[in-house]
Amino acid sequence: MSDSLKDQLLGLGFKAAPKPERTERKPEPKREHRPSGGERPQAAKPGGGKPGAPRDGRGPRGPRPDQRGGGKPRTQEEIDLAKAYALRAETEKRERIAAEQAKQEAARVRREAKAKLDAFLVGKALNDAAAEHARHFPYGGKIKRIHVTPDQLKALNAGELGVVQSNGRYLLVTAAVLAEAKALFPDAVALEVDPNAPPGSDEYADPQYQVPDDLVW
């Protein structure tokens, strides 16, 4: 509407239309932003630290080494004592291993020596199935015996023959074979008479000396 028309209308008694009141627009409340996937924001840890941060002097896997045992660090004396215990345990372990290895080695050597002796004695025994005289002798803490003929008994008491233990049997052998057997496996020598020994030193050499069969030694 032009100003001239407006003035004419006002002159005729028309009133100007009142201007509409302006209303203040309130700001809309801010919406909380949530991450995609429905995850909620992680709440802050007590104490203002970041998630996973150590608290109270503790590391991610426990207290620091100087806080173990009530928070007191180990003294130098305790450290030295622990080292001494560890060293002694290691020394004892090595000694046990060495002793076991020595034992196994000795057993191996003994087995090999016996095997050589048994092979050496094949065909060299002079035992007579018809022998009637029992020659007794001490061996292994017990009284043992071997049956011999009268001539064998004399040769045995003179040191010309000897007795060797092999596979649970007592074999009568010559002095030369006895010497070889002694060199291979000394523990197998059951009876070796010294011809230079004074008379009466071997009481079991007397053929009249008999030990009852039921004697418990």
Protein backbone atom coordinates (compact mmCIF):
# COMPACT_ATOMS: atom_id res chain seq x y z
CA MET A 1 0.00 0.00 0.00
CA SER A 2 1.36 3.35 -0.90
CA ASP A 3 1.73 6.17 1.56
CA SER A 4 -1.03 8.26 -0.13
CA LEU A 5 -3.63 5.54 0.24
CA LYS A 6 -2.51 4.92 3.81
CA ASP A 7 -2.98 8.62 4.60
CA GLN A 8 -6.44 8.67 3.00
CA LEU A 9 -7.58 5.71 5.05
CA LEU A 10 -6.28 7.24 8.24
CA GLY A 11 -8.12 10.40 7.36
CA LEU A 12 -11.39 8.45 7.01
CA GLY A 13 -11.05 7.11 10.54
CA PHE A 14 -9.36 3.80 9.94
CA LYS A 15 -6.71 2.77 12.47
CA ALA A 16 -3.52 1.18 11.59
CA ALA A 17 -3.35 -2.49 12.42
CA PRO A 18 -1.32 -3.18 15.52
CA LYS A 19 2.09 -4.86 14.92
CA PRO A 20 2.34 -8.44 16.20
CA GLU A 21 4.34 -8.94 19.38
CA ARG A 22 7.71 -10.70 18.93
CA THR A 23 8.20 -13.75 21.13
CA GLU A 24 11.67 -14.90 22.19
CA ARG A 25 12.57 -18.38 20.97
CA LYS A 26 14.01 -20.57 23.70
CA PRO A 27 17.05 -22.62 22.72
CA GLU A 28 16.41 -26.31 22.40
CA PRO A 29 18.25 -28.54 24.91
CA LYS A 30 21.42 -30.12 23.53
CA ARG A 31 21.20 -33.77 22.78
CA GLU A 32 23.94 -36.04 24.13
CA HIS A 33 26.06 -37.42 21.36
CA ARG A 34 26.46 -41.19 21.49
CA PRO A 35 29.00 -43.10 19.46
CA SER A 36 27.79 -45.32 16.70
CA GLY A 37 27.07 -48.98 17.48
CA GLY A 38 25.16 -48.27 20.69
CA GLU A 39 28.32 -47.92 22.85
CA ARG A 40 28.11 -45.65 25.82
CA PRO A 41 30.95 -43.35 26.73
CA GLN A 42 33.28 -44.87 29.34
CA ALA A 43 32.93 -43.36 32.75
CA ALA A 44 35.95 -41.71 34.23
CA LYS A 45 37.92 -43.74 36.76
CA PRO A 46 38.01 -42.51 40.37
CA GLY A 47 40.95 -40.29 41.04
CA GLY A 48 40.86 -38.66 37.61
CA GLY A 49 43.10 -41.23 36.01
CA LYS A 50 42.74 -42.78 32.61
CA PRO A 51 41.21 -46.22 32.25
CA GLY A 52 43.80 -48.90 32.98
CA ALA A 53 46.18 -46.46 34.64
CA PRO A 54 47.96 -47.83 37.78
CA ARG A 55 46.68 -46.65 41.16
CA ASP A 56 48.18 -46.58 44.64
CA GLY A 57 51.67 -47.39 43.37
CA ARG A 58 50.58 -50.64 41.79
CA GLY A 59 51.53 -51.73 38.31
CA PRO A 60 49.22 -53.47 35.87
CA ARG A 61 50.19 -56.85 37.36
CA GLY A 62 50.62 -56.13 41.04
CA PRO A 63 52.74 -54.13 43.45
CA ARG A 64 56.21 -52.97 42.58
CA PRO A 65 59.10 -55.17 43.67
CA ASP A 66 60.03 -52.75 46.44
CA GLN A 67 56.52 -52.95 47.90
CA ARG A 68 56.24 -56.71 48.32
CA GLY A 69 56.05 -58.17 51.80
CA GLY A 70 54.15 -55.39 53.47
CA GLY A 71 55.71 -52.66 51.37
CA LYS A 72 59.22 -53.16 52.78
CA PRO A 73 62.09 -53.77 50.34
CA ARG A 74 64.35 -56.74 50.97
CA THR A 75 67.57 -56.03 52.79
CA GLN A 76 70.96 -56.88 51.34
CA GLU A 77 71.32 -59.63 53.94
CA GLU A 78 68.09 -61.25 52.79
CA ILE A 79 69.19 -61.02 49.16
CA ASP A 80 72.57 -62.60 49.96
CA LEU A 81 70.87 -65.36 51.96
CA ALA A 82 68.50 -66.15 49.09
CA LYS A 83 71.45 -66.30 46.68
CA ALA A 84 73.30 -68.64 49.06
CA TYR A 85 70.32 -70.98 49.29
CA ALA A 86 69.94 -71.03 45.51
CA LEU A 87 73.67 -71.73 45.05
CA ARG A 88 73.61 -74.56 47.58
CA ALA A 89 70.53 -76.11 45.97
CA GLU A 90 72.21 -75.97 42.56
CA THR A 91 75.41 -77.52 43.97
CA GLU A 92 73.50 -80.35 45.65
CA LYS A 93 71.61 -81.00 42.43
CA ARG A 94 74.86 -81.27 40.45
CA GLU A 95 76.32 -83.60 43.09
CA ARG A 96 73.27 -85.87 42.96
CA ILE A 97 73.44 -86.03 39.18
CA ALA A 98 77.17 -86.76 39.27
CA ALA A 99 76.71 -89.50 41.91
CA GLU A 100 73.94 -91.13 39.90
CA GLN A 101 76.02 -91.02 36.73
CA ALA A 102 79.00 -92.55 38.57
CA LYS A 103 76.76 -95.29 39.96
CA GLN A 104 75.39 -96.10 36.52
CA GLU A 105 78.89 -96.10 35.04
CA ALA A 106 80.16 -98.48 37.75
CA ALA A 107 77.22 -100.81 37.14
CA ARG A 108 77.92 -100.77 33.41
CA VAL A 109 81.60 -101.58 33.91
CA ARG A 110 80.69 -104.39 36.30
CA ARG A 111 78.23 -105.92 33.84
CA GLU A 112 80.76 -105.80 31.04
CA ALA A 113 83.47 -107.37 33.24
CA LYS A 114 81.19 -110.22 34.28
CA ALA A 115 80.21 -110.85 30.69
CA LYS A 116 83.88 -111.03 29.67
CA LEU A 117 84.62 -113.40 32.57
CA ASP A 118 81.74 -115.72 31.74
CA ALA A 119 82.88 -115.89 28.12
CA PHE A 120 86.48 -116.53 29.23
CA LEU A 121 85.54 -119.41 31.56
CA VAL A 122 83.69 -121.39 28.92
CA GLY A 123 85.29 -124.86 28.70
CA LYS A 124 87.84 -124.18 31.46
CA ALA A 125 86.02 -125.62 34.49
CA LEU A 126 87.53 -128.78 36.08
CA ASN A 127 84.51 -129.77 38.19
CA ASP A 128 84.08 -133.56 38.46
CA ALA A 129 80.53 -134.86 38.78
CA ALA A 130 81.86 -137.92 40.63
CA ALA A 131 83.75 -135.88 43.25
CA GLU A 132 82.84 -136.73 46.85
CA HIS A 133 85.00 -134.48 49.02
CA ALA A 134 83.46 -131.15 50.03
CA ARG A 135 85.93 -128.28 50.24
CA HIS A 136 84.42 -125.45 52.28
CA PHE A 137 85.50 -121.82 51.99
CA PRO A 138 84.14 -118.41 53.06
CA TYR A 139 82.71 -116.23 50.29
CA GLY A 140 80.32 -113.30 50.39
CA GLY A 141 79.91 -113.53 54.16
CA LYS A 142 78.78 -117.16 54.02
CA ILE A 143 80.34 -120.61 54.02
CA LYS A 144 80.31 -122.11 50.54
CA ARG A 145 81.53 -125.50 49.28
CA ILE A 146 82.69 -127.26 46.15
CA HIS A 147 83.01 -131.00 45.63
CA VAL A 148 86.43 -132.18 44.53
CA THR A 149 88.35 -135.45 44.13
CA PRO A 150 91.20 -136.32 46.52
CA ASP A 151 93.80 -135.23 43.98
CA GLN A 152 91.94 -132.00 43.28
CA LEU A 153 91.73 -131.32 47.00
CA LYS A 154 95.51 -131.61 47.36
CA ALA A 155 96.08 -129.35 44.34
CA LEU A 156 93.53 -126.87 45.63
CA ASN A 157 95.17 -126.68 49.06
CA ALA A 158 98.58 -126.30 47.39
CA GLY A 159 97.42 -123.29 45.38
CA GLU A 160 97.61 -125.15 42.07
CA LEU A 161 93.82 -124.83 41.61
CA GLY A 162 91.30 -122.20 42.54
CA VAL A 163 87.56 -121.52 42.63
CA VAL A 164 85.71 -118.89 40.62
CA GLN A 165 82.06 -117.92 40.93
CA SER A 166 80.22 -117.59 37.61
CA ASN A 167 76.46 -117.37 37.08
CA GLY A 168 75.74 -118.77 40.54
CA ARG A 169 78.10 -121.74 40.15
CA TYR A 170 81.49 -122.37 41.71
CA LEU A 171 83.99 -123.52 39.12
CA LEU A 172 87.26 -125.28 39.84
CA VAL A 173 90.01 -123.87 37.60
CA THR A 174 93.77 -123.89 37.29
CA ALA A 175 95.92 -121.23 38.94
CA ALA A 176 96.64 -119.65 35.56
CA VAL A 177 92.93 -119.38 34.73
CA LEU A 178 92.29 -118.06 38.23
CA ALA A 179 94.84 -115.28 37.65
CA GLU A 180 93.16 -114.29 34.37
CA ALA A 181 89.75 -114.33 36.02
CA LYS A 182 91.05 -112.15 38.84
CA ALA A 183 92.31 -109.62 36.32
CA LEU A 184 88.95 -109.52 34.53
CA PHE A 185 86.66 -109.45 37.56
CA PRO A 186 88.29 -109.70 41.01
CA ASP A 187 84.99 -110.11 42.86
CA ALA A 188 84.45 -113.44 41.11
CA VAL A 189 87.43 -115.10 42.82
CA ALA A 190 85.88 -117.32 45.51
CA LEU A 191 88.89 -119.31 46.70
CA GLU A 192 92.57 -118.62 46.12
CA VAL A 193 95.01 -120.45 48.33
CA ASP A 194 98.42 -118.93 48.97
CA PRO A 195 100.96 -121.78 48.82
CA ASN A 196 103.41 -119.73 50.87
CA ALA A 197 100.95 -119.19 53.73
CA PRO A 198 101.95 -120.78 57.07
CA PRO A 199 100.31 -124.14 57.85
CA GLY A 200 97.00 -123.95 59.67
CA SER A 201 96.06 -120.52 58.28
CA ASP A 202 93.14 -122.05 56.35
CA GLU A 203 91.19 -124.30 58.70
CA TYR A 204 88.86 -125.35 55.89
CA ALA A 205 91.80 -126.97 54.04
CA ASP A 206 91.66 -130.01 56.38
CA PRO A 207 89.64 -132.72 54.58
CA GLN A 208 88.44 -133.96 57.95
CA TYR A 209 86.93 -130.57 58.67
CA GLN A 210 83.26 -130.84 57.81
CA VAL A 211 80.60 -128.17 58.19
CA PRO A 212 77.08 -129.56 58.73
CA ASP A 213 74.86 -128.97 55.74
CA ASP A 214 72.11 -127.56 57.96
CA LEU A 215 74.39 -124.92 59.50
CA VAL A 216 72.93 -121.43 59.23
CA TRP A 217 75.75 -118.93 58.64
